[in-house]
Amino acid sequence: RREAEVLFRDLRSDLRASPEAREVARLVLTQKPQG
């Protein structure tokens, strides 16, 4: 757990907000799996 927390914080610097990321997020949250 400790290493996971440290790595999560470290890799956060690689992340970027973008319109494309928001579009994919919308698709993920509105998808309707068959069945």
PDB file of all heavy atoms in Angstrom:
ATOM      1  N   ARG A   1       0.818  -1.216   0.000  1.00  0.00           N
ATOM      2  CA  ARG A   1       0.000   0.000   0.000  1.00  0.00           C
ATOM      3  C   ARG A   1       0.854   1.268   0.000  1.00  0.00           C
ATOM      4  O   ARG A   1       0.551   2.227  -0.714  1.00  0.00           O
ATOM      5  CB  ARG A   1      -0.911   0.010   1.236  1.00  0.00           C
ATOM      6  CG  ARG A   1      -2.030  -1.021   1.209  1.00  0.00           C
ATOM      7  CD  ARG A   1      -2.681  -1.134   2.578  1.00  0.00           C
ATOM      8  NE  ARG A   1      -1.730  -1.691   3.532  1.00  0.00           N
ATOM      9  CZ  ARG A   1      -1.879  -1.629   4.857  1.00  0.00           C
ATOM     10  NH1 ARG A   1      -2.915  -1.009   5.381  1.00  0.00           N
ATOM     11  NH2 ARG A   1      -0.980  -2.181   5.655  1.00  0.00           N
ATOM     12  N   ARG A   2       1.909   1.282   0.796  1.00  0.00           N
ATOM     13  CA  ARG A   2       2.741   2.477   0.879  1.00  0.00           C
ATOM     14  C   ARG A   2       3.374   2.786  -0.473  1.00  0.00           C
ATOM     15  O   ARG A   2       3.348   3.937  -0.929  1.00  0.00           O
ATOM     16  CB  ARG A   2       3.835   2.286   1.936  1.00  0.00           C
ATOM     17  CG  ARG A   2       4.689   3.533   2.157  1.00  0.00           C
ATOM     18  CD  ARG A   2       5.923   3.215   2.982  1.00  0.00           C
ATOM     19  NE  ARG A   2       6.817   2.301   2.285  1.00  0.00           N
ATOM     20  CZ  ARG A   2       7.667   2.688   1.322  1.00  0.00           C
ATOM     21  NH1 ARG A   2       7.727   3.960   0.939  1.00  0.00           N
ATOM     22  NH2 ARG A   2       8.444   1.799   0.743  1.00  0.00           N
ATOM     23  N   GLU A   3       3.931   1.769  -1.122  1.00  0.00           N
ATOM     24  CA  GLU A   3       4.553   1.985  -2.434  1.00  0.00           C
ATOM     25  C   GLU A   3       3.515   2.418  -3.465  1.00  0.00           C
ATOM     26  O   GLU A   3       3.820   3.223  -4.350  1.00  0.00           O
ATOM     27  CB  GLU A   3       5.265   0.711  -2.889  1.00  0.00           C
ATOM     28  CG  GLU A   3       6.511   0.386  -2.091  1.00  0.00           C
ATOM     29  CD  GLU A   3       7.260  -0.813  -2.654  1.00  0.00           C
ATOM     30  OE1 GLU A   3       6.878  -1.322  -3.727  1.00  0.00           O
ATOM     31  OE2 GLU A   3       8.254  -1.228  -2.023  1.00  0.00           O
ATOM     32  N   ALA A   4       2.300   1.896  -3.348  1.00  0.00           N
ATOM     33  CA  ALA A   4       1.241   2.285  -4.290  1.00  0.00           C
ATOM     34  C   ALA A   4       0.896   3.762  -4.127  1.00  0.00           C
ATOM     35  O   ALA A   4       0.714   4.483  -5.118  1.00  0.00           O
ATOM     36  CB  ALA A   4       0.004   1.420  -4.071  1.00  0.00           C
ATOM     37  N   GLU A   5       0.825   4.228  -2.894  1.00  0.00           N
ATOM     38  CA  GLU A   5       0.522   5.640  -2.640  1.00  0.00           C
ATOM     39  C   GLU A   5       1.634   6.539  -3.165  1.00  0.00           C
ATOM     40  O   GLU A   5       1.371   7.580  -3.788  1.00  0.00           O
ATOM     41  CB  GLU A   5       0.324   5.863  -1.138  1.00  0.00           C
ATOM     42  CG  GLU A   5      -0.934   5.209  -0.578  1.00  0.00           C
ATOM     43  CD  GLU A   5      -0.994   5.303   0.932  1.00  0.00           C
ATOM     44  OE1 GLU A   5      -0.087   5.928   1.527  1.00  0.00           O
ATOM     45  OE2 GLU A   5      -1.956   4.766   1.523  1.00  0.00           O
ATOM     46  N   VAL A   6       2.873   6.138  -2.920  1.00  0.00           N
ATOM     47  CA  VAL A   6       4.022   6.936  -3.372  1.00  0.00           C
ATOM     48  C   VAL A   6       4.057   6.990  -4.901  1.00  0.00           C
ATOM     49  O   VAL A   6       4.251   8.062  -5.494  1.00  0.00           O
ATOM     50  CB  VAL A   6       5.336   6.355  -2.815  1.00  0.00           C
ATOM     51  CG1 VAL A   6       6.538   7.034  -3.474  1.00  0.00           C
ATOM     52  CG2 VAL A   6       5.398   6.525  -1.309  1.00  0.00           C
ATOM     53  N   LEU A   7       3.864   5.852  -5.545  1.00  0.00           N
ATOM     54  CA  LEU A   7       3.915   5.806  -7.005  1.00  0.00           C
ATOM     55  C   LEU A   7       2.766   6.599  -7.615  1.00  0.00           C
ATOM     56  O   LEU A   7       2.949   7.304  -8.617  1.00  0.00           O
ATOM     57  CB  LEU A   7       3.868   4.355  -7.488  1.00  0.00           C
ATOM     58  CG  LEU A   7       3.977   4.137  -9.001  1.00  0.00           C
ATOM     59  CD1 LEU A   7       5.267   4.732  -9.545  1.00  0.00           C
ATOM     60  CD2 LEU A   7       3.882   2.659  -9.336  1.00  0.00           C
ATOM     61  N   PHE A   8       1.578   6.489  -7.022  1.00  0.00           N
ATOM     62  CA  PHE A   8       0.430   7.229  -7.515  1.00  0.00           C
ATOM     63  C   PHE A   8       0.723   8.729  -7.490  1.00  0.00           C
ATOM     64  O   PHE A   8       0.449   9.441  -8.460  1.00  0.00           O
ATOM     65  CB  PHE A   8      -0.800   6.911  -6.654  1.00  0.00           C
ATOM     66  CG  PHE A   8      -2.107   7.350  -7.246  1.00  0.00           C
ATOM     67  CD1 PHE A   8      -2.887   6.462  -7.984  1.00  0.00           C
ATOM     68  CD2 PHE A   8      -2.574   8.637  -7.067  1.00  0.00           C
ATOM     69  CE1 PHE A   8      -4.095   6.856  -8.535  1.00  0.00           C
ATOM     70  CE2 PHE A   8      -3.786   9.042  -7.613  1.00  0.00           C
ATOM     71  CZ  PHE A   8      -4.542   8.146  -8.341  1.00  0.00           C
ATOM     72  N   ARG A   9       1.307   9.205  -6.397  1.00  0.00           N
ATOM     73  CA  ARG A   9       1.637  10.639  -6.282  1.00  0.00           C
ATOM     74  C   ARG A   9       2.709  11.028  -7.297  1.00  0.00           C
ATOM     75  O   ARG A   9       2.647  12.089  -7.917  1.00  0.00           O
ATOM     76  CB  ARG A   9       2.105  10.972  -4.869  1.00  0.00           C
ATOM     77  CG  ARG A   9       1.009  10.963  -3.817  1.00  0.00           C
ATOM     78  CD  ARG A   9       1.463  11.699  -2.559  1.00  0.00           C
ATOM     79  NE  ARG A   9       2.669  11.111  -1.985  1.00  0.00           N
ATOM     80  CZ  ARG A   9       2.651  10.156  -1.056  1.00  0.00           C
ATOM     81  NH1 ARG A   9       1.502   9.680  -0.619  1.00  0.00           N
ATOM     82  NH2 ARG A   9       3.791   9.682  -0.571  1.00  0.00           N
ATOM     83  N   ASP A  10       3.714  10.153  -7.468  1.00  0.00           N
ATOM     84  CA  ASP A  10       4.809  10.452  -8.387  1.00  0.00           C
ATOM     85  C   ASP A  10       4.322  10.540  -9.834  1.00  0.00           C
ATOM     86  O   ASP A  10       4.675  11.464 -10.576  1.00  0.00           O
ATOM     87  CB  ASP A  10       5.891   9.378  -8.263  1.00  0.00           C
ATOM     88  CG  ASP A  10       7.030   9.590  -9.252  1.00  0.00           C
ATOM     89  OD1 ASP A  10       7.541  10.725  -9.327  1.00  0.00           O
ATOM     90  OD2 ASP A  10       7.391   8.638  -9.960  1.00  0.00           O
ATOM     91  N   LEU A  11       3.495   9.576 -10.239  1.00  0.00           N
ATOM     92  CA  LEU A  11       3.029   9.534 -11.625  1.00  0.00           C
ATOM     93  C   LEU A  11       1.966  10.581 -11.926  1.00  0.00           C
ATOM     94  O   LEU A  11       1.666  10.841 -13.093  1.00  0.00           O
ATOM     95  CB  LEU A  11       2.487   8.139 -11.942  1.00  0.00           C
ATOM     96  CG  LEU A  11       3.514   7.005 -11.920  1.00  0.00           C
ATOM     97  CD1 LEU A  11       2.849   5.662 -12.195  1.00  0.00           C
ATOM     98  CD2 LEU A  11       4.622   7.259 -12.942  1.00  0.00           C
ATOM     99  N   ARG A  12       1.407  11.179 -10.899  1.00  0.00           N
ATOM    100  CA  ARG A  12       0.392  12.216 -11.120  1.00  0.00           C
ATOM    101  C   ARG A  12       0.953  13.363 -11.961  1.00  0.00           C
ATOM    102  O   ARG A  12       0.224  14.001 -12.714  1.00  0.00           O
ATOM    103  CB  ARG A  12      -0.109  12.733  -9.764  1.00  0.00           C
ATOM    104  CG  ARG A  12      -1.161  13.825  -9.876  1.00  0.00           C
ATOM    105  CD  ARG A  12      -1.678  14.250  -8.510  1.00  0.00           C
ATOM    106  NE  ARG A  12      -2.420  15.492  -8.582  1.00  0.00           N
ATOM    107  CZ  ARG A  12      -2.985  16.094  -7.542  1.00  0.00           C
ATOM    108  NH1 ARG A  12      -2.886  15.544  -6.339  1.00  0.00           N
ATOM    109  NH2 ARG A  12      -3.639  17.242  -7.686  1.00  0.00           N
ATOM    110  N   SER A  13       2.269  13.602 -11.859  1.00  0.00           N
ATOM    111  CA  SER A  13       2.879  14.688 -12.633  1.00  0.00           C
ATOM    112  C   SER A  13       2.834  14.424 -14.128  1.00  0.00           C
ATOM    113  O   SER A  13       3.021  15.346 -14.934  1.00  0.00           O
ATOM    114  CB  SER A  13       4.331  14.898 -12.188  1.00  0.00           C
ATOM    115  OG  SER A  13       5.103  13.728 -12.433  1.00  0.00           O
ATOM    116  N   ASP A  14       2.597  13.165 -14.546  1.00  0.00           N
ATOM    117  CA  ASP A  14       2.531  12.821 -15.969  1.00  0.00           C
ATOM    118  C   ASP A  14       1.152  13.084 -16.564  1.00  0.00           C
ATOM    119  O   ASP A  14       0.985  13.029 -17.793  1.00  0.00           O
ATOM    120  CB  ASP A  14       2.850  11.334 -16.177  1.00  0.00           C
ATOM    121  CG  ASP A  14       4.276  10.975 -15.820  1.00  0.00           C
ATOM    122  OD1 ASP A  14       5.062  11.901 -15.498  1.00  0.00           O
ATOM    123  OD2 ASP A  14       4.621   9.783 -15.855  1.00  0.00           O
ATOM    124  N   LEU A  15       0.149  13.343 -15.727  1.00  0.00           N
ATOM    125  CA  LEU A  15      -1.234  13.435 -16.185  1.00  0.00           C
ATOM    126  C   LEU A  15      -1.558  14.808 -16.741  1.00  0.00           C
ATOM    127  O   LEU A  15      -0.981  15.815 -16.352  1.00  0.00           O
ATOM    128  CB  LEU A  15      -2.182  13.093 -15.030  1.00  0.00           C
ATOM    129  CG  LEU A  15      -1.885  11.794 -14.269  1.00  0.00           C
ATOM    130  CD1 LEU A  15      -2.968  11.538 -13.223  1.00  0.00           C
ATOM    131  CD2 LEU A  15      -1.768  10.617 -15.228  1.00  0.00           C
ATOM    132  N   ARG A  16      -2.517  14.822 -17.668  1.00  0.00           N
ATOM    133  CA  ARG A  16      -2.953  16.067 -18.288  1.00  0.00           C
ATOM    134  C   ARG A  16      -4.472  16.048 -18.496  1.00  0.00           C
ATOM    135  O   ARG A  16      -5.041  15.029 -18.904  1.00  0.00           O
ATOM    136  CB  ARG A  16      -2.271  16.261 -19.654  1.00  0.00           C
ATOM    137  CG  ARG A  16      -0.759  16.351 -19.616  1.00  0.00           C
ATOM    138  CD  ARG A  16      -0.280  17.653 -18.995  1.00  0.00           C
ATOM    139  NE  ARG A  16       1.183  17.748 -19.013  1.00  0.00           N
ATOM    140  CZ  ARG A  16       1.978  17.280 -18.049  1.00  0.00           C
ATOM    141  NH1 ARG A  16       1.446  16.669 -16.999  1.00  0.00           N
ATOM    142  NH2 ARG A  16       3.294  17.415 -18.133  1.00  0.00           N
ATOM    143  N   ALA A  17      -5.085  17.189 -18.257  1.00  0.00           N
ATOM    144  CA  ALA A  17      -6.505  17.344 -18.580  1.00  0.00           C
ATOM    145  C   ALA A  17      -6.623  17.706 -20.055  1.00  0.00           C
ATOM    146  O   ALA A  17      -5.762  18.405 -20.601  1.00  0.00           O
ATOM    147  CB  ALA A  17      -7.133  18.438 -17.720  1.00  0.00           C
ATOM    148  N   SER A  18      -7.659  17.213 -20.723  1.00  0.00           N
ATOM    149  CA  SER A  18      -7.847  17.518 -22.139  1.00  0.00           C
ATOM    150  C   SER A  18      -9.292  17.273 -22.538  1.00  0.00           C
ATOM    151  O   SER A  18     -10.000  16.490 -21.885  1.00  0.00           O
ATOM    152  CB  SER A  18      -6.927  16.648 -23.006  1.00  0.00           C
ATOM    153  OG  SER A  18      -7.349  15.286 -22.954  1.00  0.00           O
ATOM    154  N   PRO A  19      -9.752  17.930 -23.610  1.00  0.00           N
ATOM    155  CA  PRO A  19     -11.108  17.663 -24.097  1.00  0.00           C
ATOM    156  C   PRO A  19     -11.293  16.195 -24.480  1.00  0.00           C
ATOM    157  O   PRO A  19     -12.373  15.634 -24.302  1.00  0.00           O
ATOM    158  CB  PRO A  19     -11.225  18.572 -25.323  1.00  0.00           C
ATOM    159  CG  PRO A  19     -10.233  19.668 -25.092  1.00  0.00           C
ATOM    160  CD  PRO A  19      -9.096  19.015 -24.378  1.00  0.00           C
ATOM    161  N   GLU A  20     -10.223  15.587 -25.010  1.00  0.00           N
ATOM    162  CA  GLU A  20     -10.318  14.184 -25.427  1.00  0.00           C
ATOM    163  C   GLU A  20     -10.515  13.265 -24.220  1.00  0.00           C
ATOM    164  O   GLU A  20     -11.300  12.313 -24.270  1.00  0.00           O
ATOM    165  CB  GLU A  20      -9.062  13.778 -26.190  1.00  0.00           C
ATOM    166  CG  GLU A  20      -8.892  14.450 -27.547  1.00  0.00           C
ATOM    167  CD  GLU A  20      -8.377  15.873 -27.443  1.00  0.00           C
ATOM    168  OE1 GLU A  20      -7.929  16.286 -26.345  1.00  0.00           O
ATOM    169  OE2 GLU A  20      -8.417  16.590 -28.460  1.00  0.00           O
ATOM    170  N   ALA A  21      -9.802  13.557 -23.129  1.00  0.00           N
ATOM    171  CA  ALA A  21      -9.956  12.742 -21.914  1.00  0.00           C
ATOM    172  C   ALA A  21     -11.376  12.871 -21.375  1.00  0.00           C
ATOM    173  O   ALA A  21     -11.984  11.888 -20.930  1.00  0.00           O
ATOM    174  CB  ALA A  21      -8.952  13.173 -20.857  1.00  0.00           C
ATOM    175  N   ARG A  22     -11.926  14.073 -21.448  1.00  0.00           N
ATOM    176  CA  ARG A  22     -13.296  14.284 -20.963  1.00  0.00           C
ATOM    177  C   ARG A  22     -14.303  13.568 -21.862  1.00  0.00           C
ATOM    178  O   ARG A  22     -15.311  13.050 -21.384  1.00  0.00           O
ATOM    179  CB  ARG A  22     -13.601  15.777 -20.898  1.00  0.00           C
ATOM    180  CG  ARG A  22     -12.784  16.513 -19.857  1.00  0.00           C
ATOM    181  CD  ARG A  22     -13.207  17.956 -19.685  1.00  0.00           C
ATOM    182  NE  ARG A  22     -12.454  18.597 -18.618  1.00  0.00           N
ATOM    183  CZ  ARG A  22     -12.819  19.734 -18.009  1.00  0.00           C
ATOM    184  NH1 ARG A  22     -13.945  20.341 -18.376  1.00  0.00           N
ATOM    185  NH2 ARG A  22     -12.077  20.255 -17.046  1.00  0.00           N
ATOM    186  N   GLU A  23     -14.008  13.525 -23.161  1.00  0.00           N
ATOM    187  CA  GLU A  23     -14.910  12.817 -24.076  1.00  0.00           C
ATOM    188  C   GLU A  23     -14.935  11.325 -23.762  1.00  0.00           C
ATOM    189  O   GLU A  23     -16.005  10.706 -23.694  1.00  0.00           O
ATOM    190  CB  GLU A  23     -14.462  13.017 -25.527  1.00  0.00           C
ATOM    191  CG  GLU A  23     -15.345  12.249 -26.520  1.00  0.00           C
ATOM    192  CD  GLU A  23     -14.673  11.991 -27.858  1.00  0.00           C
ATOM    193  OE1 GLU A  23     -13.500  12.373 -28.030  1.00  0.00           O
ATOM    194  OE2 GLU A  23     -15.328  11.371 -28.725  1.00  0.00           O
ATOM    195  N   VAL A  24     -13.750  10.739 -23.555  1.00  0.00           N
ATOM    196  CA  VAL A  24     -13.690   9.316 -23.240  1.00  0.00           C
ATOM    197  C   VAL A  24     -14.382   9.039 -21.911  1.00  0.00           C
ATOM    198  O   VAL A  24     -15.103   8.046 -21.769  1.00  0.00           O
ATOM    199  CB  VAL A  24     -12.236   8.818 -23.206  1.00  0.00           C
ATOM    200  CG1 VAL A  24     -12.194   7.360 -22.770  1.00  0.00           C
ATOM    201  CG2 VAL A  24     -11.586   8.969 -24.573  1.00  0.00           C
ATOM    202  N   ALA A  25     -14.185   9.936 -20.936  1.00  0.00           N
ATOM    203  CA  ALA A  25     -14.846   9.765 -19.641  1.00  0.00           C
ATOM    204  C   ALA A  25     -16.361   9.757 -19.807  1.00  0.00           C
ATOM    205  O   ALA A  25     -17.065   8.933 -19.204  1.00  0.00           O
ATOM    206  CB  ALA A  25     -14.426  10.886 -18.689  1.00  0.00           C
ATOM    207  N   ARG A  26     -16.862  10.643 -20.645  1.00  0.00           N
ATOM    208  CA  ARG A  26     -18.310  10.689 -20.878  1.00  0.00           C
ATOM    209  C   ARG A  26     -18.793   9.390 -21.520  1.00  0.00           C
ATOM    210  O   ARG A  26     -19.823   8.844 -21.133  1.00  0.00           O
ATOM    211  CB  ARG A  26     -18.650  11.880 -21.787  1.00  0.00           C
ATOM    212  CG  ARG A  26     -20.144  12.007 -22.099  1.00  0.00           C
ATOM    213  CD  ARG A  26     -20.391  13.164 -23.053  1.00  0.00           C
ATOM    214  NE  ARG A  26     -19.698  12.976 -24.329  1.00  0.00           N
ATOM    215  CZ  ARG A  26     -20.135  12.189 -25.303  1.00  0.00           C
ATOM    216  NH1 ARG A  26     -21.262  11.487 -25.148  1.00  0.00           N
ATOM    217  NH2 ARG A  26     -19.465  12.085 -26.428  1.00  0.00           N
ATOM    218  N   LEU A  27     -18.028   8.886 -22.479  1.00  0.00           N
ATOM    219  CA  LEU A  27     -18.415   7.641 -23.138  1.00  0.00           C
ATOM    220  C   LEU A  27     -18.386   6.462 -22.164  1.00  0.00           C
ATOM    221  O   LEU A  27     -19.268   5.598 -22.196  1.00  0.00           O
ATOM    222  CB  LEU A  27     -17.477   7.364 -24.317  1.00  0.00           C
ATOM    223  CG  LEU A  27     -17.631   8.289 -25.529  1.00  0.00           C
ATOM    224  CD1 LEU A  27     -16.522   8.026 -26.534  1.00  0.00           C
ATOM    225  CD2 LEU A  27     -18.985   8.096 -26.185  1.00  0.00           C
ATOM    226  N   VAL A  28     -17.371   6.425 -21.307  1.00  0.00           N
ATOM    227  CA  VAL A  28     -17.274   5.350 -20.320  1.00  0.00           C
ATOM    228  C   VAL A  28     -18.478   5.378 -19.378  1.00  0.00           C
ATOM    229  O   VAL A  28     -19.059   4.334 -19.045  1.00  0.00           O
ATOM    230  CB  VAL A  28     -15.961   5.471 -19.511  1.00  0.00           C
ATOM    231  CG1 VAL A  28     -15.982   4.536 -18.300  1.00  0.00           C
ATOM    232  CG2 VAL A  28     -14.763   5.165 -20.389  1.00  0.00           C
ATOM    233  N   LEU A  29     -18.875   6.564 -18.962  1.00  0.00           N
ATOM    234  CA  LEU A  29     -19.951   6.690 -17.983  1.00  0.00           C
ATOM    235  C   LEU A  29     -21.344   6.557 -18.594  1.00  0.00           C
ATOM    236  O   LEU A  29     -22.314   6.324 -17.866  1.00  0.00           O
ATOM    237  CB  LEU A  29     -19.835   8.035 -17.252  1.00  0.00           C
ATOM    238  CG  LEU A  29     -18.609   8.168 -16.352  1.00  0.00           C
ATOM    239  CD1 LEU A  29     -18.460   9.598 -15.852  1.00  0.00           C
ATOM    240  CD2 LEU A  29     -18.697   7.200 -15.179  1.00  0.00           C
ATOM    241  N   THR A  30     -21.454   6.708 -19.907  1.00  0.00           N
ATOM    242  CA  THR A  30     -22.777   6.610 -20.543  1.00  0.00           C
ATOM    243  C   THR A  30     -22.939   5.356 -21.383  1.00  0.00           C
ATOM    244  O   THR A  30     -23.998   5.157 -21.987  1.00  0.00           O
ATOM    245  CB  THR A  30     -23.040   7.841 -21.441  1.00  0.00           C
ATOM    246  OG1 THR A  30     -22.014   7.938 -22.443  1.00  0.00           O
ATOM    247  CG2 THR A  30     -23.079   9.114 -20.622  1.00  0.00           C
ATOM    248  N   GLN A  31     -21.918   4.505 -21.432  1.00  0.00           N
ATOM    249  CA  GLN A  31     -22.025   3.279 -22.237  1.00  0.00           C
ATOM    250  C   GLN A  31     -23.123   2.390 -21.667  1.00  0.00           C
ATOM    251  O   GLN A  31     -23.388   2.400 -20.467  1.00  0.00           O
ATOM    252  CB  GLN A  31     -20.691   2.538 -22.255  1.00  0.00           C
ATOM    253  CG  GLN A  31     -20.106   2.286 -20.895  1.00  0.00           C
ATOM    254  CD  GLN A  31     -19.881   0.833 -20.578  1.00  0.00           C
ATOM    255  OE1 GLN A  31     -20.193  -0.030 -21.379  1.00  0.00           O
ATOM    256  NE2 GLN A  31     -19.354   0.566 -19.419  1.00  0.00           N
ATOM    257  N   LYS A  32     -23.750   1.625 -22.537  1.00  0.00           N
ATOM    258  CA  LYS A  32     -24.849   0.742 -22.146  1.00  0.00           C
ATOM    259  C   LYS A  32     -24.519  -0.680 -22.588  1.00  0.00           C
ATOM    260  O   LYS A  32     -24.866  -1.081 -23.700  1.00  0.00           O
ATOM    261  CB  LYS A  32     -26.167   1.212 -22.771  1.00  0.00           C
ATOM    262  CG  LYS A  32     -26.599   2.603 -22.301  1.00  0.00           C
ATOM    263  CD  LYS A  32     -27.868   3.038 -22.986  1.00  0.00           C
ATOM    264  CE  LYS A  32     -28.367   4.361 -22.431  1.00  0.00           C
ATOM    265  NZ  LYS A  32     -27.394   5.448 -22.609  1.00  0.00           N
ATOM    266  N   PRO A  33     -23.813  -1.438 -21.735  1.00  0.00           N
ATOM    267  CA  PRO A  33     -23.459  -2.811 -22.100  1.00  0.00           C
ATOM    268  C   PRO A  33     -24.687  -3.638 -22.433  1.00  0.00           C
ATOM    269  O   PRO A  33     -25.712  -3.546 -21.754  1.00  0.00           O
ATOM    270  CB  PRO A  33     -22.765  -3.343 -20.834  1.00  0.00           C
ATOM    271  CG  PRO A  33     -22.277  -2.133 -20.128  1.00  0.00           C
ATOM    272  CD  PRO A  33     -23.300  -1.073 -20.415  1.00  0.00           C
ATOM    273  N   GLN A  34     -24.577  -4.425 -23.492  1.00  0.00           N
ATOM    274  CA  GLN A  34     -25.677  -5.292 -23.897  1.00  0.00           C
ATOM    275  C   GLN A  34     -26.042  -6.243 -22.766  1.00  0.00           C
ATOM    276  O   GLN A  34     -25.199  -6.929 -22.203  1.00  0.00           O
ATOM    277  CB  GLN A  34     -25.274  -6.095 -25.131  1.00  0.00           C
ATOM    278  CG  GLN A  34     -26.374  -6.976 -25.690  1.00  0.00           C
ATOM    279  CD  GLN A  34     -25.905  -7.723 -26.930  1.00  0.00           C
ATOM    280  OE1 GLN A  34     -24.820  -7.489 -27.442  1.00  0.00           O
ATOM    281  NE2 GLN A  34     -26.730  -8.624 -27.418  1.00  0.00           N
ATOM    282  N   GLY A  35     -27.322  -6.254 -22.402  1.00  0.00           N
ATOM    283  CA  GLY A  35     -27.802  -7.153 -21.360  1.00  0.00           C
ATOM    284  C   GLY A  35     -27.811  -6.554 -19.977  1.00  0.00           C
ATOM    285  O   GLY A  35     -28.378  -7.133 -19.054  1.00  0.00           O
TER     286      GLY A  35
END
